[in-house]
Amino acid sequence: VLDPSGEWLYTTESETGSTHGWIAVRRRDTLRKEAEFP
C-alpha cells in the first residue's frame, strides 16, 4: 500500500517457519527498503 503522500510503499513480509510478520517501508520510485517494523 502507498501512504497518503504517495511517496512511501509499505509491504507485508514473512520468513519461512517464523512466527513474526514484518512491514517494510520502501521508496516508491526505487522500491528500496528504508525501514521496517513487526
PDB file of all heavy atoms in Angstrom:
ATOM      1  N   VAL A   1       0.847  -1.179   0.000  1.00  0.00           N
ATOM      2  CA  VAL A   1       0.000   0.000   0.000  1.00  0.00           C
ATOM      3  C   VAL A   1       0.891   1.240   0.000  1.00  0.00           C
ATOM      4  O   VAL A   1       1.976   1.233   0.602  1.00  0.00           O
ATOM      5  CB  VAL A   1      -0.957   0.014   1.218  1.00  0.00           C
ATOM      6  CG1 VAL A   1      -0.198   0.187   2.531  1.00  0.00           C
ATOM      7  CG2 VAL A   1      -2.020   1.092   1.083  1.00  0.00           C
ATOM      8  N   LEU A   2       0.456   2.273  -0.704  1.00  0.00           N
ATOM      9  CA  LEU A   2       1.150   3.557  -0.680  1.00  0.00           C
ATOM     10  C   LEU A   2       0.598   4.408   0.444  1.00  0.00           C
ATOM     11  O   LEU A   2      -0.605   4.383   0.729  1.00  0.00           O
ATOM     12  CB  LEU A   2       0.959   4.292  -2.005  1.00  0.00           C
ATOM     13  CG  LEU A   2       1.756   3.745  -3.194  1.00  0.00           C
ATOM     14  CD1 LEU A   2       1.198   4.291  -4.496  1.00  0.00           C
ATOM     15  CD2 LEU A   2       3.236   4.088  -3.059  1.00  0.00           C
ATOM     16  N   ASP A   3       1.459   5.180   1.097  1.00  0.00           N
ATOM     17  CA  ASP A   3       0.988   6.078   2.145  1.00  0.00           C
ATOM     18  C   ASP A   3       0.209   7.230   1.505  1.00  0.00           C
ATOM     19  O   ASP A   3       0.221   7.400   0.284  1.00  0.00           O
ATOM     20  CB  ASP A   3       2.153   6.572   2.999  1.00  0.00           C
ATOM     21  CG  ASP A   3       2.972   7.656   2.315  1.00  0.00           C
ATOM     22  OD1 ASP A   3       2.986   7.718   1.069  1.00  0.00           O
ATOM     23  OD2 ASP A   3       3.604   8.449   3.025  1.00  0.00           O
ATOM     24  N   PRO A   4      -0.514   8.021   2.299  1.00  0.00           N
ATOM     25  CA  PRO A   4      -1.344   9.092   1.720  1.00  0.00           C
ATOM     26  C   PRO A   4      -0.577  10.093   0.855  1.00  0.00           C
ATOM     27  O   PRO A   4      -1.150  10.685  -0.056  1.00  0.00           O
ATOM     28  CB  PRO A   4      -1.939   9.766   2.964  1.00  0.00           C
ATOM     29  CG  PRO A   4      -2.016   8.667   3.982  1.00  0.00           C
ATOM     30  CD  PRO A   4      -0.792   7.849   3.740  1.00  0.00           C
ATOM     31  N   SER A   5       0.720  10.267   1.103  1.00  0.00           N
ATOM     32  CA  SER A   5       1.511  11.186   0.282  1.00  0.00           C
ATOM     33  C   SER A   5       1.899  10.583  -1.057  1.00  0.00           C
ATOM     34  O   SER A   5       2.292  11.298  -1.981  1.00  0.00           O
ATOM     35  CB  SER A   5       2.787  11.581   1.035  1.00  0.00           C
ATOM     36  OG  SER A   5       3.721  10.505   1.060  1.00  0.00           O
ATOM     37  N   GLY A   6       1.803   9.268  -1.175  1.00  0.00           N
ATOM     38  CA  GLY A   6       2.192   8.583  -2.396  1.00  0.00           C
ATOM     39  C   GLY A   6       3.685   8.400  -2.552  1.00  0.00           C
ATOM     40  O   GLY A   6       4.151   7.966  -3.615  1.00  0.00           O
ATOM     41  N   GLU A   7       4.461   8.682  -1.513  1.00  0.00           N
ATOM     42  CA  GLU A   7       5.919   8.602  -1.600  1.00  0.00           C
ATOM     43  C   GLU A   7       6.491   7.308  -1.052  1.00  0.00           C
ATOM     44  O   GLU A   7       7.572   6.884  -1.446  1.00  0.00           O
ATOM     45  CB  GLU A   7       6.546   9.781  -0.841  1.00  0.00           C
ATOM     46  CG  GLU A   7       6.348  11.128  -1.507  1.00  0.00           C
ATOM     47  CD  GLU A   7       7.086  11.243  -2.832  1.00  0.00           C
ATOM     48  OE1 GLU A   7       8.033  10.467  -3.075  1.00  0.00           O
ATOM     49  OE2 GLU A   7       6.695  12.106  -3.639  1.00  0.00           O
ATOM     50  N   TRP A   8       5.771   6.676  -0.107  1.00  0.00           N
ATOM     51  CA  TRP A   8       6.306   5.515   0.581  1.00  0.00           C
ATOM     52  C   TRP A   8       5.403   4.305   0.366  1.00  0.00           C
ATOM     53  O   TRP A   8       4.186   4.398   0.446  1.00  0.00           O
ATOM     54  CB  TRP A   8       6.462   5.792   2.076  1.00  0.00           C
ATOM     55  CG  TRP A   8       7.458   6.881   2.335  1.00  0.00           C
ATOM     56  CD1 TRP A   8       7.189   8.198   2.556  1.00  0.00           C
ATOM     57  CD2 TRP A   8       8.878   6.749   2.352  1.00  0.00           C
ATOM     58  NE1 TRP A   8       8.349   8.904   2.733  1.00  0.00           N
ATOM     59  CE2 TRP A   8       9.405   8.041   2.615  1.00  0.00           C
ATOM     60  CE3 TRP A   8       9.754   5.678   2.201  1.00  0.00           C
ATOM     61  CZ2 TRP A   8      10.773   8.277   2.710  1.00  0.00           C
ATOM     62  CZ3 TRP A   8      11.120   5.910   2.293  1.00  0.00           C
ATOM     63  CH2 TRP A   8      11.622   7.192   2.548  1.00  0.00           C
ATOM     64  N   LEU A   9       6.055   3.185   0.104  1.00  0.00           N
ATOM     65  CA  LEU A   9       5.358   1.936  -0.155  1.00  0.00           C
ATOM     66  C   LEU A   9       5.578   0.997   1.032  1.00  0.00           C
ATOM     67  O   LEU A   9       6.723   0.766   1.446  1.00  0.00           O
ATOM     68  CB  LEU A   9       5.897   1.287  -1.435  1.00  0.00           C
ATOM     69  CG  LEU A   9       5.209   0.008  -1.907  1.00  0.00           C
ATOM     70  CD1 LEU A   9       3.830   0.325  -2.461  1.00  0.00           C
ATOM     71  CD2 LEU A   9       6.065  -0.695  -2.958  1.00  0.00           C
ATOM     72  N   TYR A  10       4.498   0.460   1.571  1.00  0.00           N
ATOM     73  CA  TYR A  10       4.553  -0.464   2.697  1.00  0.00           C
ATOM     74  C   TYR A  10       4.204  -1.869   2.195  1.00  0.00           C
ATOM     75  O   TYR A  10       3.167  -2.060   1.564  1.00  0.00           O
ATOM     76  CB  TYR A  10       3.564  -0.048   3.781  1.00  0.00           C
ATOM     77  CG  TYR A  10       3.923   1.239   4.499  1.00  0.00           C
ATOM     78  CD1 TYR A  10       3.870   2.476   3.866  1.00  0.00           C
ATOM     79  CD2 TYR A  10       4.313   1.218   5.838  1.00  0.00           C
ATOM     80  CE1 TYR A  10       4.202   3.652   4.524  1.00  0.00           C
ATOM     81  CE2 TYR A  10       4.635   2.386   6.517  1.00  0.00           C
ATOM     82  CZ  TYR A  10       4.579   3.602   5.850  1.00  0.00           C
ATOM     83  OH  TYR A  10       4.903   4.761   6.518  1.00  0.00           O
ATOM     84  N   THR A  11       5.049  -2.845   2.494  1.00  0.00           N
ATOM     85  CA  THR A  11       4.819  -4.218   2.042  1.00  0.00           C
ATOM     86  C   THR A  11       4.773  -5.172   3.237  1.00  0.00           C
ATOM     87  O   THR A  11       5.478  -4.980   4.231  1.00  0.00           O
ATOM     88  CB  THR A  11       5.936  -4.680   1.081  1.00  0.00           C
ATOM     89  OG1 THR A  11       7.216  -4.557   1.719  1.00  0.00           O
ATOM     90  CG2 THR A  11       5.927  -3.852  -0.198  1.00  0.00           C
ATOM     91  N   THR A  12       3.935  -6.200   3.146  1.00  0.00           N
ATOM     92  CA  THR A  12       3.872  -7.239   4.170  1.00  0.00           C
ATOM     93  C   THR A  12       4.826  -8.364   3.802  1.00  0.00           C
ATOM     94  O   THR A  12       4.872  -8.802   2.649  1.00  0.00           O
ATOM     95  CB  THR A  12       2.450  -7.795   4.321  1.00  0.00           C
ATOM     96  OG1 THR A  12       1.952  -8.204   3.031  1.00  0.00           O
ATOM     97  CG2 THR A  12       1.515  -6.745   4.901  1.00  0.00           C
ATOM     98  N   GLU A  13       5.577  -8.863   4.815  1.00  0.00           N
ATOM     99  CA  GLU A  13       6.615  -9.842   4.547  1.00  0.00           C
ATOM    100  C   GLU A  13       6.707 -10.877   5.668  1.00  0.00           C
ATOM    101  O   GLU A  13       6.297 -10.612   6.805  1.00  0.00           O
ATOM    102  CB  GLU A  13       7.969  -9.135   4.375  1.00  0.00           C
ATOM    103  CG  GLU A  13       7.949  -8.103   3.254  1.00  0.00           C
ATOM    104  CD  GLU A  13       9.265  -7.365   3.083  1.00  0.00           C
ATOM    105  OE1 GLU A  13      10.267  -7.763   3.732  1.00  0.00           O
ATOM    106  OE2 GLU A  13       9.305  -6.397   2.302  1.00  0.00           O
ATOM    107  N   SER A  14       7.260 -12.043   5.333  1.00  0.00           N
ATOM    108  CA  SER A  14       7.441 -13.127   6.297  1.00  0.00           C
ATOM    109  C   SER A  14       8.726 -13.883   6.000  1.00  0.00           C
ATOM    110  O   SER A  14       9.310 -13.755   4.918  1.00  0.00           O
ATOM    111  CB  SER A  14       6.276 -14.118   6.257  1.00  0.00           C
ATOM    112  OG  SER A  14       5.084 -13.552   6.753  1.00  0.00           O
ATOM    113  N   GLU A  15       9.157 -14.688   6.972  1.00  0.00           N
ATOM    114  CA  GLU A  15      10.233 -15.654   6.795  1.00  0.00           C
ATOM    115  C   GLU A  15       9.640 -17.045   6.958  1.00  0.00           C
ATOM    116  O   GLU A  15       8.795 -17.270   7.842  1.00  0.00           O
ATOM    117  CB  GLU A  15      11.331 -15.453   7.833  1.00  0.00           C
ATOM    118  CG  GLU A  15      12.013 -14.106   7.766  1.00  0.00           C
ATOM    119  CD  GLU A  15      12.977 -13.912   8.930  1.00  0.00           C
ATOM    120  OE1 GLU A  15      13.747 -14.857   9.213  1.00  0.00           O
ATOM    121  OE2 GLU A  15      12.949 -12.843   9.545  1.00  0.00           O
ATOM    122  N   THR A  16      10.070 -17.992   6.145  1.00  0.00           N
ATOM    123  CA  THR A  16       9.563 -19.357   6.241  1.00  0.00           C
ATOM    124  C   THR A  16       9.804 -19.920   7.643  1.00  0.00           C
ATOM    125  O   THR A  16      10.925 -19.862   8.161  1.00  0.00           O
ATOM    126  CB  THR A  16      10.253 -20.262   5.204  1.00  0.00           C
ATOM    127  OG1 THR A  16       9.949 -19.782   3.895  1.00  0.00           O
ATOM    128  CG2 THR A  16       9.764 -21.694   5.324  1.00  0.00           C
ATOM    129  N   GLY A  17       8.740 -20.443   8.258  1.00  0.00           N
ATOM    130  CA  GLY A  17       8.838 -21.043   9.574  1.00  0.00           C
ATOM    131  C   GLY A  17       8.790 -20.063  10.726  1.00  0.00           C
ATOM    132  O   GLY A  17       8.737 -20.481  11.887  1.00  0.00           O
ATOM    133  N   SER A  18       8.803 -18.768  10.438  1.00  0.00           N
ATOM    134  CA  SER A  18       8.844 -17.770  11.504  1.00  0.00           C
ATOM    135  C   SER A  18       7.441 -17.442  12.000  1.00  0.00           C
ATOM    136  O   SER A  18       6.460 -17.530  11.262  1.00  0.00           O
ATOM    137  CB  SER A  18       9.512 -16.488  10.997  1.00  0.00           C
ATOM    138  OG  SER A  18       9.413 -15.447  11.962  1.00  0.00           O
ATOM    139  N   THR A  19       7.354 -17.033  13.260  1.00  0.00           N
ATOM    140  CA  THR A  19       6.080 -16.579  13.826  1.00  0.00           C
ATOM    141  C   THR A  19       6.014 -15.055  13.878  1.00  0.00           C
ATOM    142  O   THR A  19       5.126 -14.497  14.522  1.00  0.00           O
ATOM    143  CB  THR A  19       5.889 -17.147  15.240  1.00  0.00           C
ATOM    144  OG1 THR A  19       6.990 -16.745  16.065  1.00  0.00           O
ATOM    145  CG2 THR A  19       5.813 -18.664  15.211  1.00  0.00           C
ATOM    146  N   HIS A  20       6.925 -14.379  13.190  1.00  0.00           N
ATOM    147  CA  HIS A  20       6.958 -12.922  13.206  1.00  0.00           C
ATOM    148  C   HIS A  20       6.733 -12.376  11.801  1.00  0.00           C
ATOM    149  O   HIS A  20       7.465 -12.708  10.869  1.00  0.00           O
ATOM    150  CB  HIS A  20       8.298 -12.408  13.743  1.00  0.00           C
ATOM    151  CG  HIS A  20       8.597 -12.857  15.138  1.00  0.00           C
ATOM    152  ND1 HIS A  20       7.935 -12.363  16.237  1.00  0.00           N
ATOM    153  CD2 HIS A  20       9.476 -13.769  15.612  1.00  0.00           C
ATOM    154  CE1 HIS A  20       8.397 -12.939  17.330  1.00  0.00           C
ATOM    155  NE2 HIS A  20       9.324 -13.800  16.977  1.00  0.00           N
ATOM    156  N   GLY A  21       5.703 -11.534  11.664  1.00  0.00           N
ATOM    157  CA  GLY A  21       5.462 -10.845  10.412  1.00  0.00           C
ATOM    158  C   GLY A  21       6.084  -9.463  10.443  1.00  0.00           C
ATOM    159  O   GLY A  21       6.279  -8.868  11.508  1.00  0.00           O
ATOM    160  N   TRP A  22       6.358  -8.925   9.242  1.00  0.00           N
ATOM    161  CA  TRP A  22       7.043  -7.645   9.151  1.00  0.00           C
ATOM    162  C   TRP A  22       6.387  -6.720   8.131  1.00  0.00           C
ATOM    163  O   TRP A  22       5.774  -7.180   7.165  1.00  0.00           O
ATOM    164  CB  TRP A  22       8.504  -7.851   8.745  1.00  0.00           C
ATOM    165  CG  TRP A  22       9.310  -8.521   9.804  1.00  0.00           C
ATOM    166  CD1 TRP A  22       9.468  -9.859   9.996  1.00  0.00           C
ATOM    167  CD2 TRP A  22      10.060  -7.877  10.842  1.00  0.00           C
ATOM    168  NE1 TRP A  22      10.265 -10.101  11.084  1.00  0.00           N
ATOM    169  CE2 TRP A  22      10.646  -8.893  11.627  1.00  0.00           C
ATOM    170  CE3 TRP A  22      10.291  -6.540  11.178  1.00  0.00           C
ATOM    171  CZ2 TRP A  22      11.449  -8.621  12.725  1.00  0.00           C
ATOM    172  CZ3 TRP A  22      11.093  -6.266  12.275  1.00  0.00           C
ATOM    173  CH2 TRP A  22      11.663  -7.292  13.043  1.00  0.00           C
ATOM    174  N   ILE A  23       6.537  -5.426   8.365  1.00  0.00           N
ATOM    175  CA  ILE A  23       6.213  -4.393   7.392  1.00  0.00           C
ATOM    176  C   ILE A  23       7.517  -3.749   6.953  1.00  0.00           C
ATOM    177  O   ILE A  23       8.317  -3.325   7.797  1.00  0.00           O
ATOM    178  CB  ILE A  23       5.298  -3.304   7.989  1.00  0.00           C
ATOM    179  CG1 ILE A  23       3.979  -3.893   8.483  1.00  0.00           C
ATOM    180  CG2 ILE A  23       5.061  -2.195   6.954  1.00  0.00           C
ATOM    181  CD1 ILE A  23       3.088  -4.412   7.389  1.00  0.00           C
ATOM    182  N   ALA A  24       7.765  -3.713   5.665  1.00  0.00           N
ATOM    183  CA  ALA A  24       8.915  -2.989   5.124  1.00  0.00           C
ATOM    184  C   ALA A  24       8.423  -1.664   4.554  1.00  0.00           C
ATOM    185  O   ALA A  24       7.383  -1.609   3.890  1.00  0.00           O
ATOM    186  CB  ALA A  24       9.605  -3.807   4.043  1.00  0.00           C
ATOM    187  N   VAL A  25       9.150  -0.605   4.827  1.00  0.00           N
ATOM    188  CA  VAL A  25       8.836   0.737   4.308  1.00  0.00           C
ATOM    189  C   VAL A  25       9.822   1.028   3.183  1.00  0.00           C
ATOM    190  O   VAL A  25      11.037   1.054   3.407  1.00  0.00           O
ATOM    191  CB  VAL A  25       8.931   1.802   5.412  1.00  0.00           C
ATOM    192  CG1 VAL A  25       8.461   3.158   4.877  1.00  0.00           C
ATOM    193  CG2 VAL A  25       8.102   1.396   6.634  1.00  0.00           C
ATOM    194  N   ARG A  26       9.310   1.255   1.993  1.00  0.00           N
ATOM    195  CA  ARG A  26      10.145   1.371   0.804  1.00  0.00           C
ATOM    196  C   ARG A  26       9.907   2.686   0.053  1.00  0.00           C
ATOM    197  O   ARG A  26       8.814   3.252   0.111  1.00  0.00           O
ATOM    198  CB  ARG A  26       9.834   0.200  -0.159  1.00  0.00           C
ATOM    199  CG  ARG A  26      10.037  -1.159   0.457  1.00  0.00           C
ATOM    200  CD  ARG A  26       9.587  -2.284  -0.467  1.00  0.00           C
ATOM    201  NE  ARG A  26       9.880  -3.579   0.129  1.00  0.00           N
ATOM    202  CZ  ARG A  26      11.054  -4.188   0.064  1.00  0.00           C
ATOM    203  NH1 ARG A  26      12.036  -3.622  -0.628  1.00  0.00           N
ATOM    204  NH2 ARG A  26      11.244  -5.353   0.650  1.00  0.00           N
ATOM    205  N   ARG A  27      10.911   3.130  -0.650  1.00  0.00           N
ATOM    206  CA  ARG A  27      10.752   4.287  -1.527  1.00  0.00           C
ATOM    207  C   ARG A  27       9.886   3.900  -2.720  1.00  0.00           C
ATOM    208  O   ARG A  27      10.087   2.841  -3.320  1.00  0.00           O
ATOM    209  CB  ARG A  27      12.108   4.794  -2.012  1.00  0.00           C
ATOM    210  CG  ARG A  27      12.947   5.410  -0.916  1.00  0.00           C
ATOM    211  CD  ARG A  27      14.175   6.097  -1.501  1.00  0.00           C
ATOM    212  NE  ARG A  27      14.950   6.754  -0.463  1.00  0.00           N
ATOM    213  CZ  ARG A  27      14.698   7.978   0.006  1.00  0.00           C
ATOM    214  NH1 ARG A  27      13.679   8.663  -0.489  1.00  0.00           N
ATOM    215  NH2 ARG A  27      15.441   8.503   0.947  1.00  0.00           N
ATOM    216  N   ARG A  28       8.959   4.737  -3.060  1.00  0.00           N
ATOM    217  CA  ARG A  28       8.079   4.443  -4.183  1.00  0.00           C
ATOM    218  C   ARG A  28       8.845   4.346  -5.498  1.00  0.00           C
ATOM    219  O   ARG A  28       8.571   3.465  -6.322  1.00  0.00           O
ATOM    220  CB  ARG A  28       7.021   5.530  -4.294  1.00  0.00           C
ATOM    221  CG  ARG A  28       6.310   5.564  -5.637  1.00  0.00           C
ATOM    222  CD  ARG A  28       5.722   6.928  -5.935  1.00  0.00           C
ATOM    223  NE  ARG A  28       5.485   7.090  -7.355  1.00  0.00           N
ATOM    224  CZ  ARG A  28       6.317   7.705  -8.185  1.00  0.00           C
ATOM    225  NH1 ARG A  28       7.452   8.199  -7.739  1.00  0.00           N
ATOM    226  NH2 ARG A  28       6.020   7.810  -9.472  1.00  0.00           N
ATOM    227  N   ASP A  29       9.822   5.227  -5.707  1.00  0.00           N
ATOM    228  CA  ASP A  29      10.476   5.294  -7.013  1.00  0.00           C
ATOM    229  C   ASP A  29      11.441   4.136  -7.248  1.00  0.00           C
ATOM    230  O   ASP A  29      11.435   3.505  -8.306  1.00  0.00           O
ATOM    231  CB  ASP A  29      11.182   6.639  -7.195  1.00  0.00           C
ATOM    232  CG  ASP A  29      12.118   6.984  -6.044  1.00  0.00           C
ATOM    233  OD1 ASP A  29      12.150   6.233  -5.056  1.00  0.00           O
ATOM    234  OD2 ASP A  29      12.825   8.009  -6.136  1.00  0.00           O
ATOM    235  N   THR A  30      12.245   3.803  -6.245  1.00  0.00           N
ATOM    236  CA  THR A  30      13.251   2.753  -6.416  1.00  0.00           C
ATOM    237  C   THR A  30      12.830   1.408  -5.842  1.00  0.00           C
ATOM    238  O   THR A  30      13.449   0.386  -6.149  1.00  0.00           O
ATOM    239  CB  THR A  30      14.565   3.158  -5.726  1.00  0.00           C
ATOM    240  OG1 THR A  30      14.334   3.243  -4.303  1.00  0.00           O
ATOM    241  CG2 THR A  30      15.063   4.509  -6.243  1.00  0.00           C
ATOM    242  N   LEU A  31      11.822   1.398  -4.959  1.00  0.00           N
ATOM    243  CA  LEU A  31      11.344   0.206  -4.258  1.00  0.00           C
ATOM    244  C   LEU A  31      12.349  -0.305  -3.212  1.00  0.00           C
ATOM    245  O   LEU A  31      12.157  -1.382  -2.643  1.00  0.00           O
ATOM    246  CB  LEU A  31      11.003  -0.927  -5.245  1.00  0.00           C
ATOM    247  CG  LEU A  31      10.038  -0.557  -6.372  1.00  0.00           C
ATOM    248  CD1 LEU A  31       9.823  -1.760  -7.289  1.00  0.00           C
ATOM    249  CD2 LEU A  31       8.710  -0.061  -5.830  1.00  0.00           C
ATOM    250  N   ARG A  32      13.366   0.477  -2.927  1.00  0.00           N
ATOM    251  CA  ARG A  32      14.369   0.086  -1.934  1.00  0.00           C
ATOM    252  C   ARG A  32      13.823   0.252  -0.518  1.00  0.00           C
ATOM    253  O   ARG A  32      13.162   1.232  -0.205  1.00  0.00           O
ATOM    254  CB  ARG A  32      15.634   0.924  -2.097  1.00  0.00           C
ATOM    255  CG  ARG A  32      16.288   0.790  -3.462  1.00  0.00           C
ATOM    256  CD  ARG A  32      16.995  -0.544  -3.615  1.00  0.00           C
ATOM    257  NE  ARG A  32      17.597  -0.679  -4.938  1.00  0.00           N
ATOM    258  CZ  ARG A  32      18.800  -0.216  -5.258  1.00  0.00           C
ATOM    259  NH1 ARG A  32      19.509   0.434  -4.336  1.00  0.00           N
ATOM    260  NH2 ARG A  32      19.286  -0.392  -6.469  1.00  0.00           N
ATOM    261  N   LYS A  33      14.174  -0.702   0.342  1.00  0.00           N
ATOM    262  CA  LYS A  33      13.716  -0.666   1.729  1.00  0.00           C
ATOM    263  C   LYS A  33      14.527   0.335   2.527  1.00  0.00           C
ATOM    264  O   LYS A  33      15.761   0.336   2.480  1.00  0.00           O
ATOM    265  CB  LYS A  33      13.807  -2.063   2.345  1.00  0.00           C
ATOM    266  CG  LYS A  33      13.303  -2.142   3.773  1.00  0.00           C
ATOM    267  CD  LYS A  33      13.182  -3.555   4.278  1.00  0.00           C
ATOM    268  CE  LYS A  33      14.523  -4.231   4.398  1.00  0.00           C
ATOM    269  NZ  LYS A  33      14.420  -5.563   5.033  1.00  0.00           N
ATOM    270  N   GLU A  34      13.817   1.171   3.319  1.00  0.00           N
ATOM    271  CA  GLU A  34      14.458   2.167   4.159  1.00  0.00           C
ATOM    272  C   GLU A  34      14.213   1.927   5.643  1.00  0.00           C
ATOM    273  O   GLU A  34      14.956   2.421   6.484  1.00  0.00           O
ATOM    274  CB  GLU A  34      13.955   3.577   3.787  1.00  0.00           C
ATOM    275  CG  GLU A  34      14.272   3.992   2.367  1.00  0.00           C
ATOM    276  CD  GLU A  34      15.757   4.229   2.146  1.00  0.00           C
ATOM    277  OE1 GLU A  34      16.457   4.508   3.132  1.00  0.00           O
ATOM    278  OE2 GLU A  34      16.210   4.129   0.991  1.00  0.00           O
ATOM    279  N   ALA A  35      13.142   1.211   5.987  1.00  0.00           N
ATOM    280  CA  ALA A  35      12.819   0.952   7.391  1.00  0.00           C
ATOM    281  C   ALA A  35      11.946  -0.291   7.469  1.00  0.00           C
ATOM    282  O   ALA A  35      11.472  -0.808   6.438  1.00  0.00           O
ATOM    283  CB  ALA A  35      12.100   2.152   8.006  1.00  0.00           C
ATOM    284  N   GLU A  36      11.738  -0.783   8.684  1.00  0.00           N
ATOM    285  CA  GLU A  36      10.876  -1.945   8.882  1.00  0.00           C
ATOM    286  C   GLU A  36      10.412  -1.983  10.328  1.00  0.00           C
ATOM    287  O   GLU A  36      11.029  -1.389  11.219  1.00  0.00           O
ATOM    288  CB  GLU A  36      11.608  -3.238   8.546  1.00  0.00           C
ATOM    289  CG  GLU A  36      12.831  -3.495   9.409  1.00  0.00           C
ATOM    290  CD  GLU A  36      13.577  -4.742   9.007  1.00  0.00           C
ATOM    291  OE1 GLU A  36      13.458  -5.205   7.860  1.00  0.00           O
ATOM    292  OE2 GLU A  36      14.311  -5.266   9.863  1.00  0.00           O
ATOM    293  N   PHE A  37       9.292  -2.673  10.568  1.00  0.00           N
ATOM    294  CA  PHE A  37       8.806  -2.900  11.929  1.00  0.00           C
ATOM    295  C   PHE A  37       7.892  -4.121  11.926  1.00  0.00           C
ATOM    296  O   PHE A  37       7.336  -4.501  10.888  1.00  0.00           O
ATOM    297  CB  PHE A  37       8.098  -1.669  12.505  1.00  0.00           C
ATOM    298  CG  PHE A  37       7.071  -1.033  11.607  1.00  0.00           C
ATOM    299  CD1 PHE A  37       5.785  -1.551  11.502  1.00  0.00           C
ATOM    300  CD2 PHE A  37       7.389   0.114  10.878  1.00  0.00           C
ATOM    301  CE1 PHE A  37       4.844  -0.955  10.695  1.00  0.00           C
ATOM    302  CE2 PHE A  37       6.447   0.716  10.059  1.00  0.00           C
ATOM    303  CZ  PHE A  37       5.170   0.190   9.967  1.00  0.00           C
ATOM    304  N   PRO A  38       7.734  -4.783  13.089  1.00  0.00           N
ATOM    305  CA  PRO A  38       6.928  -6.009  13.167  1.00  0.00           C
ATOM    306  C   PRO A  38       5.432  -5.712  13.151  1.00  0.00           C
ATOM    307  O   PRO A  38       4.995  -4.623  13.536  1.00  0.00           O
ATOM    308  CB  PRO A  38       7.349  -6.620  14.504  1.00  0.00           C
ATOM    309  CG  PRO A  38       7.784  -5.456  15.328  1.00  0.00           C
ATOM    310  CD  PRO A  38       8.413  -4.477  14.366  1.00  0.00           C
TER     311      PRO A  38
END
